[in-house]
Protein backbone atom coordinates (compact mmCIF):
# COMPACT_ATOMS: atom_id res chain seq x y z
CA MET A 1 0.00 0.00 0.00
CA LYS A 2 2.90 2.34 0.68
CA MET A 3 4.11 1.94 -2.92
CA TYR A 4 0.68 2.96 -4.13
CA TYR A 5 0.58 6.07 -2.00
CA SER A 6 4.07 7.26 -2.97
CA ALA A 7 2.91 8.66 -6.33
CA GLN A 8 0.24 10.75 -4.64
CA LEU A 9 2.61 12.04 -2.00
CA LYS A 10 4.87 13.65 -4.62
CA MET A 11 1.90 15.68 -5.86
CA LYS A 12 0.74 16.99 -2.49
CA LYS A 13 2.10 20.24 -1.02
CA ILE A 14 1.87 21.29 2.59
CA ASN A 15 -1.38 23.08 3.27
CA ILE A 16 -1.64 25.18 6.42
CA PHE A 17 -5.16 26.49 5.95
CA LEU A 18 -8.57 24.90 6.45
CA PHE A 19 -10.80 24.09 3.52
CA ALA A 20 -14.46 23.21 3.01
CA ALA A 21 -16.29 21.51 0.15
CA LEU A 22 -19.77 22.92 -0.44
CA CYS A 23 -20.57 22.75 3.29
CA PHE A 24 -20.35 18.94 3.29
CA ILE A 25 -16.86 18.51 4.68
CA ALA A 26 -14.33 20.50 6.65
CA VAL A 27 -10.93 19.04 7.39
CA ASN A 28 -8.60 20.43 10.05
CA SER A 29 -5.18 19.60 11.39
CA PHE A 30 -4.67 19.33 15.14
CA SER A 31 -1.99 21.13 17.09
CA GLN A 32 -0.21 17.80 17.59
CA ILE A 33 0.63 17.86 13.88
CA GLY A 34 1.73 21.47 13.69
CA ASN A 35 3.25 22.86 10.51
CA SER A 36 6.35 20.66 10.46
CA VAL A 37 4.76 17.82 8.49
CA GLU A 38 5.37 17.61 4.76
CA THR A 39 1.82 16.50 4.01
CA PHE A 40 -1.26 16.26 6.19
CA PRO A 41 -3.48 13.15 6.23
CA ASP A 42 -5.95 12.90 3.36
CA ASN A 43 -8.65 10.53 2.18
CA VAL A 44 -7.92 8.48 -0.92
CA GLY A 45 -9.17 10.42 -3.93
CA GLY A 46 -9.05 13.81 -2.21
CA LYS A 47 -11.77 16.25 -1.20
CA ASP A 48 -13.86 15.80 -4.37
CA GLU A 49 -14.09 12.07 -3.75
CA PHE A 50 -14.85 12.73 -0.07
CA LYS A 51 -17.86 14.82 -1.03
CA ARG A 52 -18.99 12.37 -3.73
CA VAL A 53 -18.87 9.36 -1.40
CA PHE A 54 -20.69 11.29 1.32
CA GLU A 55 -23.53 12.14 -1.06
CA GLN A 56 -23.64 8.64 -2.55
CA GLU A 57 -23.58 6.72 0.71
CA LEU A 58 -25.49 9.03 3.09
CA SER A 59 -28.55 7.49 4.68
CA PHE A 60 -30.17 10.29 6.66
CA PRO A 61 -31.55 8.92 9.95
CA GLU A 62 -35.34 8.64 9.66
CA LYS A 63 -36.14 10.31 12.97
CA ALA A 64 -33.82 13.24 12.30
CA LEU A 65 -35.18 13.58 8.77
CA LYS A 66 -38.78 13.56 10.00
CA GLU A 67 -37.97 16.24 12.57
CA LYS A 68 -36.00 18.18 9.93
CA LEU A 69 -32.94 18.32 12.13
CA GLU A 70 -30.01 20.13 10.57
CA ARG A 71 -26.89 19.18 12.49
CA LYS A 72 -23.13 18.96 12.16
CA ALA A 73 -21.18 15.98 13.43
CA VAL A 74 -17.51 16.65 14.12
CA LEU A 75 -15.37 13.53 14.36
CA ASN A 76 -11.85 13.47 15.76
CA PHE A 77 -9.78 10.39 15.00
CA THR A 78 -6.26 9.07 14.49
CA VAL A 79 -4.81 8.22 11.10
CA LYS A 80 -2.14 5.59 11.75
CA LYS A 81 1.02 5.28 9.70
CA ASP A 82 -0.33 2.00 8.27
CA SER A 83 -3.33 3.95 6.86
CA THR A 84 -5.89 2.57 9.31
CA ILE A 85 -7.90 4.84 11.62
CA SER A 86 -8.70 4.55 15.31
CA ASP A 87 -9.85 6.48 18.38
CA ILE A 88 -12.94 7.91 16.69
CA LYS A 89 -14.71 10.44 18.88
CA VAL A 90 -17.73 12.61 18.14
CA THR A 91 -17.01 16.03 19.62
CA ALA A 92 -19.89 18.13 18.25
CA SER A 93 -22.95 15.99 18.61
CA GLY A 94 -26.04 16.47 16.49
CA SER A 95 -28.10 13.54 17.75
CA ALA A 96 -27.37 9.94 18.62
CA GLU A 97 -28.68 8.73 15.25
CA ILE A 98 -26.78 11.36 13.30
CA ASP A 99 -23.59 10.60 15.23
CA GLU A 100 -23.97 6.89 14.48
CA GLU A 101 -24.41 7.56 10.76
CA ALA A 102 -21.43 9.94 10.75
CA VAL A 103 -19.20 7.26 12.27
CA ARG A 104 -20.45 4.71 9.73
CA LEU A 105 -19.65 7.08 6.88
CA LEU A 106 -16.20 7.85 8.22
CA LYS A 107 -15.33 4.14 8.28
CA LEU A 108 -16.06 3.89 4.54
CA TYR A 109 -13.08 6.07 3.66
CA GLN A 110 -9.53 4.93 3.04
CA TRP A 111 -6.76 7.22 4.23
CA ILE A 112 -3.27 8.40 3.34
CA PRO A 113 -1.18 9.09 6.48
CA ALA A 114 0.66 12.30 7.22
CA VAL A 115 4.30 12.48 6.19
CA LYS A 116 7.17 13.93 8.20
CA ASP A 117 10.87 13.74 7.27
CA GLY A 118 9.95 11.50 4.35
CA HIS A 119 8.16 8.92 6.49
CA TYR A 120 4.53 8.13 7.25
CA ILE A 121 3.56 9.07 10.78
CA THR A 122 0.57 8.55 13.05
CA SER A 123 -1.36 11.78 13.53
CA ALA A 124 -4.66 13.21 14.72
CA TRP A 125 -7.24 14.47 12.26
CA SER A 126 -10.80 15.73 12.14
CA VAL A 127 -13.72 15.88 9.71
CA THR A 128 -17.10 17.54 9.86
CA PHE A 129 -20.22 16.10 8.25
CA ASN A 130 -23.12 18.47 7.62
CA PHE A 131 -26.51 16.74 7.84
CA ASP A 132 -28.97 19.01 6.05
CA PRO A 133 -32.49 17.62 5.29
CA LYS A 134 -33.03 20.09 2.43
CA LYS A 135 -29.75 19.18 0.75
CA TYR A 136 -30.48 15.50 1.35
CA ASP A 137 -33.66 15.81 -0.69
CA LYS A 138 -31.61 17.23 -3.56
CA ILE A 139 -28.97 14.52 -3.15
CA CYS A 140 -31.61 11.79 -3.39
CA ARG A 141 -33.06 13.30 -6.56
CA GLU A 142 -29.65 13.51 -8.20
CA ARG A 143 -28.53 10.01 -7.23
CA ARG A 144 -32.04 8.65 -8.02
CA PHE A 145 -32.59 6.64 -4.87
CA ILE A 146 -33.32 7.20 -1.20
CA LYS A 147 -32.27 3.87 0.25
CA PHE A 148 -30.12 1.08 -1.09
CA ARG A 149 -32.14 -1.87 -2.31
CA PHE A 150 -30.85 -5.41 -1.96
CA ILE A 151 -32.22 -8.71 -3.21
CA PRO A 152 -34.71 -10.02 -0.63
CA GLY A 153 -33.02 -12.46 1.72
CA THR A 154 -29.55 -11.16 0.83
CA LYS A 155 -27.11 -10.79 3.69
CA VAL A 156 -24.87 -7.71 3.78
CA ASP A 157 -21.59 -7.57 5.68
CA SER A 158 -21.56 -4.55 8.00
CA SER A 159 -17.99 -4.90 9.27
CA GLU A 160 -16.53 -2.25 6.87
CA ILE A 161 -13.76 -4.78 6.04
CA VAL A 162 -12.41 -4.35 2.50
CA TYR A 163 -11.56 -7.69 0.88
CA LYS A 164 -9.02 -8.24 -1.88
CA THR A 165 -9.82 -11.91 -2.51
CA PRO A 166 -13.48 -12.56 -1.71
CA ASP A 167 -15.24 -15.74 -2.72
CA LEU A 168 -16.80 -13.91 -5.66
CA MET A 169 -15.36 -10.75 -7.25
CA PRO A 170 -17.66 -7.88 -8.30
CA ALA A 171 -18.80 -8.03 -11.92
CA TYR A 172 -20.61 -5.77 -14.37
CA GLN A 173 -24.30 -6.59 -14.16
CA LYS A 174 -24.52 -7.47 -17.88
CA GLY A 175 -21.25 -9.42 -18.05
CA ASP A 176 -17.60 -8.74 -18.90
CA TYR A 177 -18.06 -8.53 -22.68
CA ALA A 178 -20.94 -6.11 -22.25
CA LEU A 179 -18.73 -4.01 -19.97
CA GLN A 180 -16.16 -3.63 -22.73
CA ASP A 181 -18.90 -2.43 -25.07
CA PHE A 182 -20.31 -0.08 -22.42
CA ILE A 183 -16.92 1.56 -21.92
CA LYS A 184 -16.35 1.97 -25.66
CA GLU A 185 -19.77 3.59 -26.05
CA ASN A 186 -19.36 6.00 -23.15
CA LEU A 187 -15.65 6.86 -23.11
CA GLU A 188 -14.95 10.18 -24.81
CA TYR A 189 -11.42 11.07 -25.81
CA PRO A 190 -10.55 14.36 -24.06
CA ARG A 191 -9.89 17.18 -26.51
CA GLN A 192 -6.74 18.22 -24.65
CA ALA A 193 -5.32 14.71 -24.96
CA GLN A 194 -6.12 14.60 -28.68
CA LEU A 195 -4.40 17.91 -29.37
CA SER A 196 -1.36 16.89 -27.32
CA ASN A 197 -1.24 13.38 -28.81
CA ILE A 198 -1.55 11.85 -25.34
CA GLN A 199 -2.24 8.11 -25.23
CA GLY A 200 -1.95 5.40 -22.64
CA LYS A 201 -3.64 3.34 -19.95
CA VAL A 202 -5.34 4.89 -16.94
CA VAL A 203 -5.63 2.47 -14.05
CA LEU A 204 -8.19 3.30 -11.40
CA ARG A 205 -8.25 1.88 -7.90
CA PHE A 206 -11.55 1.77 -6.02
CA VAL A 207 -13.79 -0.14 -3.65
CA ILE A 208 -17.05 -1.73 -4.77
CA GLU A 209 -19.52 -1.46 -1.91
CA PRO A 210 -22.20 -4.08 -1.09
CA SER A 211 -24.59 -1.75 -2.95
CA GLY A 212 -22.55 -2.25 -6.14
CA LEU A 213 -21.45 1.40 -6.18
CA PRO A 214 -17.79 2.52 -6.20
CA THR A 215 -16.09 4.49 -3.43
CA ASN A 216 -12.54 5.66 -2.75
CA ILE A 217 -11.84 6.15 -6.46
CA CYS A 218 -8.31 7.27 -7.24
CA VAL A 219 -5.83 7.05 -10.08
CA ASP A 220 -3.25 4.29 -9.70
CA LYS A 221 -1.63 5.01 -13.09
CA HIS A 222 -1.90 8.46 -14.66
CA VAL A 223 -2.04 9.47 -18.33
CA GLY A 224 -3.01 13.15 -18.13
CA GLY A 225 -4.63 15.42 -20.68
CA GLY A 226 -8.03 14.88 -19.09
CA CYS A 227 -7.88 11.08 -19.53
CA ASP A 228 -7.72 10.43 -15.78
CA GLU A 229 -10.87 12.47 -15.15
CA GLU A 230 -12.69 10.83 -18.07
CA ALA A 231 -11.89 7.34 -16.80
CA ILE A 232 -13.27 8.29 -13.37
CA ARG A 233 -16.44 9.70 -14.96
CA VAL A 234 -17.11 6.47 -16.86
CA LEU A 235 -16.34 4.28 -13.84
CA GLN A 236 -19.05 6.10 -11.91
CA LEU A 237 -21.56 5.08 -14.61
CA ILE A 238 -20.88 1.34 -14.33
CA LYS A 239 -23.42 -0.78 -12.47
CA TRP A 240 -21.68 -3.56 -10.56
CA TYR A 241 -22.92 -6.75 -9.02
CA PRO A 242 -21.15 -6.72 -5.60
CA GLY A 243 -18.60 -9.24 -4.42
CA LYS A 244 -19.42 -12.00 -1.95
CA LYS A 245 -17.70 -13.58 1.01
CA GLU A 246 -19.32 -16.47 2.88
CA ASN A 247 -22.58 -15.73 1.04
CA LYS A 248 -22.65 -12.07 2.14
CA PHE A 249 -22.24 -8.98 -0.01
CA VAL A 250 -18.95 -7.37 1.01
CA ARG A 251 -16.65 -4.47 0.20
CA VAL A 252 -14.02 -5.37 -2.39
CA GLN A 253 -10.84 -3.57 -3.49
CA MET A 254 -10.36 -3.51 -7.26
CA THR A 255 -8.38 -1.88 -10.03
CA TYR A 256 -9.54 -1.46 -13.61
CA PRO A 257 -7.73 -0.21 -16.76
CA PHE A 258 -9.11 2.31 -19.23
CA TYR A 259 -7.28 2.59 -22.57
CA PHE A 260 -6.92 5.79 -24.55
CA ILE A 261 -5.59 5.07 -28.05
CA LEU A 262 -5.68 7.69 -30.83
CA ASN A 263 -6.62 6.92 -34.44
CA ASP A 264 -7.88 3.47 -33.59
CA GLU A 265 -10.65 1.65 -31.78
CA PHE A 266 -10.31 1.85 -28.03
CA ARG A 267 -8.36 -1.17 -26.92
CA ASP A 268 -10.52 -3.85 -25.29
CA ASN A 269 -10.60 -3.48 -21.53
CA SER A 270 -9.60 -6.70 -19.85
CA GLY A 271 -11.39 -7.88 -16.74
CA GLY A 272 -11.03 -6.02 -13.47
CA GLU A 273 -7.64 -6.39 -11.88
CA GLN A 274 -7.03 -6.71 -8.20
CA LYS A 275 -3.93 -5.99 -6.18
């Protein structure tokens, strides 16, 4: 995992100010970190992916939604040098149900540790989730569902464990060959890449949730010229059948290649790769 993160670390500069993303997330450094670190902790995929996953995965607590409670849940936690998190504490409570959902959401994210003197270190971090009933209504309209629907009788693993080798890997709902066709039909060659004669293979790393939707999307192999962003856009369109472990739908880590070849048919995308 450290080899995977090294490419991202070269791109990140020290950031000593706070930032917010459309009122959905605020990320702060603690005084224990100070300004001596080279990079602060960050979720895989960055702030845009943080916001996207929040909106995709949010299940607004029914009681709070009925009472139209607008609350913020601030969570302090530790990002360990091995990328795991611990010591989660809710410091600005909205309600018990909202706090519980905030903790569940936090556990869906993968993290990149802080770096000091060229090494990963364990550090404190904080995020703020804004639970807004009005915005939730808009989110549900845009994502086209309120609650995740599973096949009746299906068991869903709730441990938040991400598997690399489950009993059954996720698959495109219409089959691998149909997935190749779907990508060819939907992938648009970025104009910038065409003008700059940029070609290559973009490899995306992501997690397929028990719902069949992707989270923690990031670029494992870059091409540039807008190709990375286009591959991410198309990945978000793909409908997956989730992976299984011991007859339960589980979270599964995957990688998948997207080929950008000029003056030719897009190269066939082989099946999803896992690492």
